[in-house]
Amino acid sequence: MEAIKQMVRIPEDHEIKIKIPYYIPENEVVEVLLIVKKKPAAFKQKVEELKEAVRDKVFLDDLRDVSEDFKALDLEGWA
């Protein structure tokens, strides 16, 4: 599996053309996923979203998992 990321702005006509690398053969089946990242309108909104994150179970689970992943590294010395 390979992931190819392209960042684009939505044009006025709301149509996006996807550029496929030439090394991917014709008739290959691919999955196209559109992820829309909404930007907070203001600094105050960003702060409110961060306040909500501390109550977000998925965020806290991810944070704990990352902390566990690095726990062993933190115990090792840097050579």
N, C-alpha and C. Protein backbone atom coordinates (compact mmCIF):
# COMPACT_ATOMS: atom_id res chain seq x y z
N MET A 1 0.85 -1.17 0.00
CA MET A 1 0.00 0.00 0.00
C MET A 1 0.90 1.23 0.00
N GLU A 2 0.49 2.24 -0.70
CA GLU A 2 1.22 3.48 -0.79
C GLU A 2 0.24 4.63 -0.61
N ALA A 3 0.66 5.66 0.09
CA ALA A 3 -0.18 6.84 0.26
C ALA A 3 0.47 8.02 -0.45
N ILE A 4 -0.30 8.73 -1.22
CA ILE A 4 0.18 9.92 -1.91
C ILE A 4 -0.70 11.07 -1.47
N LYS A 5 -0.08 12.09 -0.92
CA LYS A 5 -0.84 13.21 -0.37
C LYS A 5 -0.70 14.43 -1.27
N GLN A 6 -1.82 15.06 -1.55
CA GLN A 6 -1.84 16.30 -2.32
C GLN A 6 -2.73 17.29 -1.58
N MET A 7 -2.20 18.45 -1.30
CA MET A 7 -2.99 19.49 -0.65
C MET A 7 -3.48 20.45 -1.74
N VAL A 8 -4.77 20.71 -1.74
CA VAL A 8 -5.36 21.61 -2.73
C VAL A 8 -6.36 22.53 -2.05
N ARG A 9 -6.61 23.66 -2.67
CA ARG A 9 -7.68 24.54 -2.23
C ARG A 9 -8.91 24.25 -3.09
N ILE A 10 -10.06 24.36 -2.50
CA ILE A 10 -11.29 24.10 -3.24
C ILE A 10 -11.53 25.26 -4.19
N PRO A 11 -11.60 24.97 -5.50
CA PRO A 11 -11.85 26.05 -6.46
C PRO A 11 -13.33 26.44 -6.48
N GLU A 12 -13.60 27.52 -7.18
CA GLU A 12 -14.97 28.04 -7.26
C GLU A 12 -15.95 27.01 -7.80
N ASP A 13 -15.51 26.20 -8.77
CA ASP A 13 -16.42 25.19 -9.35
C ASP A 13 -16.50 23.91 -8.51
N HIS A 14 -15.76 23.85 -7.42
CA HIS A 14 -15.77 22.71 -6.49
C HIS A 14 -15.38 21.40 -7.17
N GLU A 15 -14.50 21.46 -8.15
CA GLU A 15 -14.00 20.25 -8.80
C GLU A 15 -12.49 20.20 -8.64
N ILE A 16 -11.99 19.01 -8.32
CA ILE A 16 -10.56 18.81 -8.12
C ILE A 16 -10.08 17.74 -9.07
N LYS A 17 -8.98 18.01 -9.74
CA LYS A 17 -8.36 17.04 -10.63
C LYS A 17 -7.22 16.36 -9.84
N ILE A 18 -7.20 15.05 -9.86
CA ILE A 18 -6.20 14.29 -9.11
C ILE A 18 -5.07 13.88 -10.04
N LYS A 19 -3.84 14.21 -9.65
CA LYS A 19 -2.67 13.85 -10.43
C LYS A 19 -2.14 12.50 -9.94
N ILE A 20 -2.11 11.52 -10.83
CA ILE A 20 -1.66 10.17 -10.50
C ILE A 20 -0.25 9.99 -11.06
N PRO A 21 0.71 9.53 -10.24
CA PRO A 21 2.07 9.30 -10.75
C PRO A 21 2.06 8.29 -11.90
N TYR A 22 2.97 8.48 -12.85
CA TYR A 22 3.02 7.63 -14.04
C TYR A 22 3.38 6.18 -13.74
N TYR A 23 4.06 5.93 -12.62
CA TYR A 23 4.45 4.55 -12.31
C TYR A 23 3.29 3.69 -11.83
N ILE A 24 2.15 4.28 -11.56
CA ILE A 24 0.98 3.50 -11.17
C ILE A 24 0.29 3.04 -12.46
N PRO A 25 0.13 1.73 -12.63
CA PRO A 25 -0.41 1.21 -13.89
C PRO A 25 -1.87 1.60 -14.14
N GLU A 26 -2.21 1.65 -15.41
CA GLU A 26 -3.60 1.92 -15.79
C GLU A 26 -4.48 0.80 -15.25
N ASN A 27 -5.71 1.13 -14.98
CA ASN A 27 -6.74 0.21 -14.47
C ASN A 27 -6.44 -0.30 -13.05
N GLU A 28 -5.45 0.29 -12.40
CA GLU A 28 -5.18 -0.06 -11.00
C GLU A 28 -6.33 0.49 -10.15
N VAL A 29 -6.77 -0.28 -9.17
CA VAL A 29 -7.84 0.17 -8.29
C VAL A 29 -7.20 1.00 -7.17
N VAL A 30 -7.71 2.20 -6.96
CA VAL A 30 -7.21 3.08 -5.91
C VAL A 30 -8.38 3.58 -5.08
N GLU A 31 -8.09 3.97 -3.87
CA GLU A 31 -9.11 4.54 -2.99
C GLU A 31 -8.80 6.03 -2.84
N VAL A 32 -9.78 6.85 -3.07
CA VAL A 32 -9.62 8.29 -2.94
C VAL A 32 -10.35 8.73 -1.68
N LEU A 33 -9.65 9.46 -0.83
CA LEU A 33 -10.21 9.90 0.43
C LEU A 33 -10.07 11.41 0.52
N LEU A 34 -11.14 12.11 0.77
CA LEU A 34 -11.14 13.56 0.89
C LEU A 34 -11.24 13.92 2.37
N ILE A 35 -10.22 14.58 2.88
CA ILE A 35 -10.22 15.01 4.28
C ILE A 35 -10.26 16.53 4.30
N VAL A 36 -11.28 17.08 4.89
CA VAL A 36 -11.44 18.53 4.95
C VAL A 36 -10.99 18.99 6.33
N LYS A 37 -9.97 19.83 6.33
CA LYS A 37 -9.47 20.38 7.59
C LYS A 37 -9.98 21.80 7.72
N LYS A 38 -10.92 21.98 8.60
CA LYS A 38 -11.47 23.32 8.80
C LYS A 38 -10.55 24.08 9.74
N LYS A 39 -10.21 25.28 9.35
CA LYS A 39 -9.35 26.13 10.16
C LYS A 39 -10.21 26.91 11.15
N PRO A 40 -9.79 26.92 12.42
CA PRO A 40 -10.53 27.75 13.39
C PRO A 40 -10.49 29.22 12.94
N ALA A 41 -11.61 29.89 13.11
CA ALA A 41 -11.72 31.27 12.63
C ALA A 41 -10.87 32.24 13.44
N ALA A 42 -10.66 31.95 14.71
CA ALA A 42 -9.96 32.92 15.53
C ALA A 42 -9.17 32.22 16.63
N PHE A 43 -8.25 32.95 17.23
CA PHE A 43 -7.43 32.41 18.30
C PHE A 43 -8.29 31.91 19.46
N LYS A 44 -9.33 32.64 19.79
CA LYS A 44 -10.22 32.25 20.89
C LYS A 44 -10.86 30.89 20.62
N GLN A 45 -11.24 30.66 19.37
CA GLN A 45 -11.85 29.37 19.00
C GLN A 45 -10.82 28.25 19.16
N LYS A 46 -9.56 28.52 18.79
CA LYS A 46 -8.50 27.52 18.95
C LYS A 46 -8.33 27.14 20.41
N VAL A 47 -8.35 28.14 21.27
CA VAL A 47 -8.20 27.90 22.71
C VAL A 47 -9.36 27.04 23.21
N GLU A 48 -10.56 27.33 22.76
CA GLU A 48 -11.73 26.55 23.18
C GLU A 48 -11.60 25.09 22.72
N GLU A 49 -11.10 24.87 21.51
CA GLU A 49 -10.92 23.51 21.01
C GLU A 49 -9.88 22.76 21.84
N LEU A 50 -8.82 23.45 22.25
CA LEU A 50 -7.81 22.81 23.10
C LEU A 50 -8.40 22.46 24.47
N LYS A 51 -9.26 23.31 25.00
CA LYS A 51 -9.91 23.01 26.27
C LYS A 51 -10.79 21.76 26.16
N GLU A 52 -11.45 21.61 25.01
CA GLU A 52 -12.29 20.44 24.79
C GLU A 52 -11.45 19.17 24.65
N ALA A 53 -10.24 19.28 24.15
CA ALA A 53 -9.38 18.11 23.91
C ALA A 53 -9.09 17.37 25.20
N VAL A 54 -8.99 18.06 26.32
CA VAL A 54 -8.68 17.39 27.58
C VAL A 54 -9.83 16.53 28.07
N ARG A 55 -10.99 16.67 27.47
CA ARG A 55 -12.14 15.81 27.81
C ARG A 55 -12.46 14.81 26.71
N ASP A 56 -11.66 14.80 25.65
CA ASP A 56 -11.89 13.93 24.50
C ASP A 56 -11.23 12.57 24.76
N LYS A 57 -12.03 11.53 24.92
CA LYS A 57 -11.53 10.20 25.26
C LYS A 57 -10.56 9.67 24.20
N VAL A 58 -10.87 9.84 22.94
CA VAL A 58 -10.00 9.35 21.87
C VAL A 58 -8.65 10.07 21.92
N PHE A 59 -8.67 11.39 22.09
CA PHE A 59 -7.43 12.16 22.19
C PHE A 59 -6.60 11.70 23.38
N LEU A 60 -7.24 11.52 24.53
CA LEU A 60 -6.52 11.10 25.72
C LEU A 60 -5.96 9.68 25.57
N ASP A 61 -6.70 8.79 24.92
CA ASP A 61 -6.20 7.44 24.66
C ASP A 61 -4.97 7.48 23.75
N ASP A 62 -5.04 8.30 22.70
CA ASP A 62 -3.90 8.45 21.80
C ASP A 62 -2.69 9.02 22.53
N LEU A 63 -2.92 10.00 23.35
CA LEU A 63 -1.83 10.62 24.11
C LEU A 63 -1.17 9.61 25.04
N ARG A 64 -1.99 8.79 25.69
CA ARG A 64 -1.46 7.76 26.59
C ARG A 64 -0.67 6.71 25.79
N ASP A 65 -1.17 6.31 24.64
CA ASP A 65 -0.48 5.33 23.80
C ASP A 65 0.89 5.85 23.35
N VAL A 66 0.94 7.09 22.93
CA VAL A 66 2.21 7.68 22.50
C VAL A 66 3.17 7.75 23.68
N SER A 67 2.67 8.13 24.83
CA SER A 67 3.51 8.20 26.02
C SER A 67 4.08 6.83 26.37
N GLU A 68 3.26 5.79 26.26
CA GLU A 68 3.72 4.43 26.52
C GLU A 68 4.78 4.00 25.50
N ASP A 69 4.57 4.37 24.24
CA ASP A 69 5.52 4.01 23.19
C ASP A 69 6.90 4.59 23.47
N PHE A 70 6.95 5.78 24.03
CA PHE A 70 8.23 6.45 24.25
C PHE A 70 8.80 6.22 25.64
N LYS A 71 8.05 5.53 26.51
CA LYS A 71 8.52 5.32 27.88
C LYS A 71 9.86 4.58 27.88
N ALA A 72 10.00 3.53 27.09
CA ALA A 72 11.24 2.77 27.06
C ALA A 72 12.39 3.63 26.53
N LEU A 73 12.12 4.45 25.55
CA LEU A 73 13.16 5.33 25.01
C LEU A 73 13.61 6.36 26.03
N ASP A 74 12.68 6.85 26.83
CA ASP A 74 13.02 7.84 27.83
C ASP A 74 13.95 7.27 28.89
N LEU A 75 13.87 5.95 29.13
CA LEU A 75 14.71 5.31 30.12
C LEU A 75 16.11 5.04 29.62
N GLU A 76 16.30 5.02 28.30
CA GLU A 76 17.61 4.76 27.71
C GLU A 76 18.43 6.04 27.67
N GLY A 77 19.73 5.86 27.75
CA GLY A 77 20.63 7.02 27.64
C GLY A 77 20.93 7.31 26.19
N TRP A 78 21.24 8.55 25.89
CA TRP A 78 21.62 8.96 24.55
C TRP A 78 23.10 8.79 24.39
N ALA A 79 23.52 8.09 23.34
CA ALA A 79 24.95 7.86 23.13
C ALA A 79 25.55 8.96 22.30
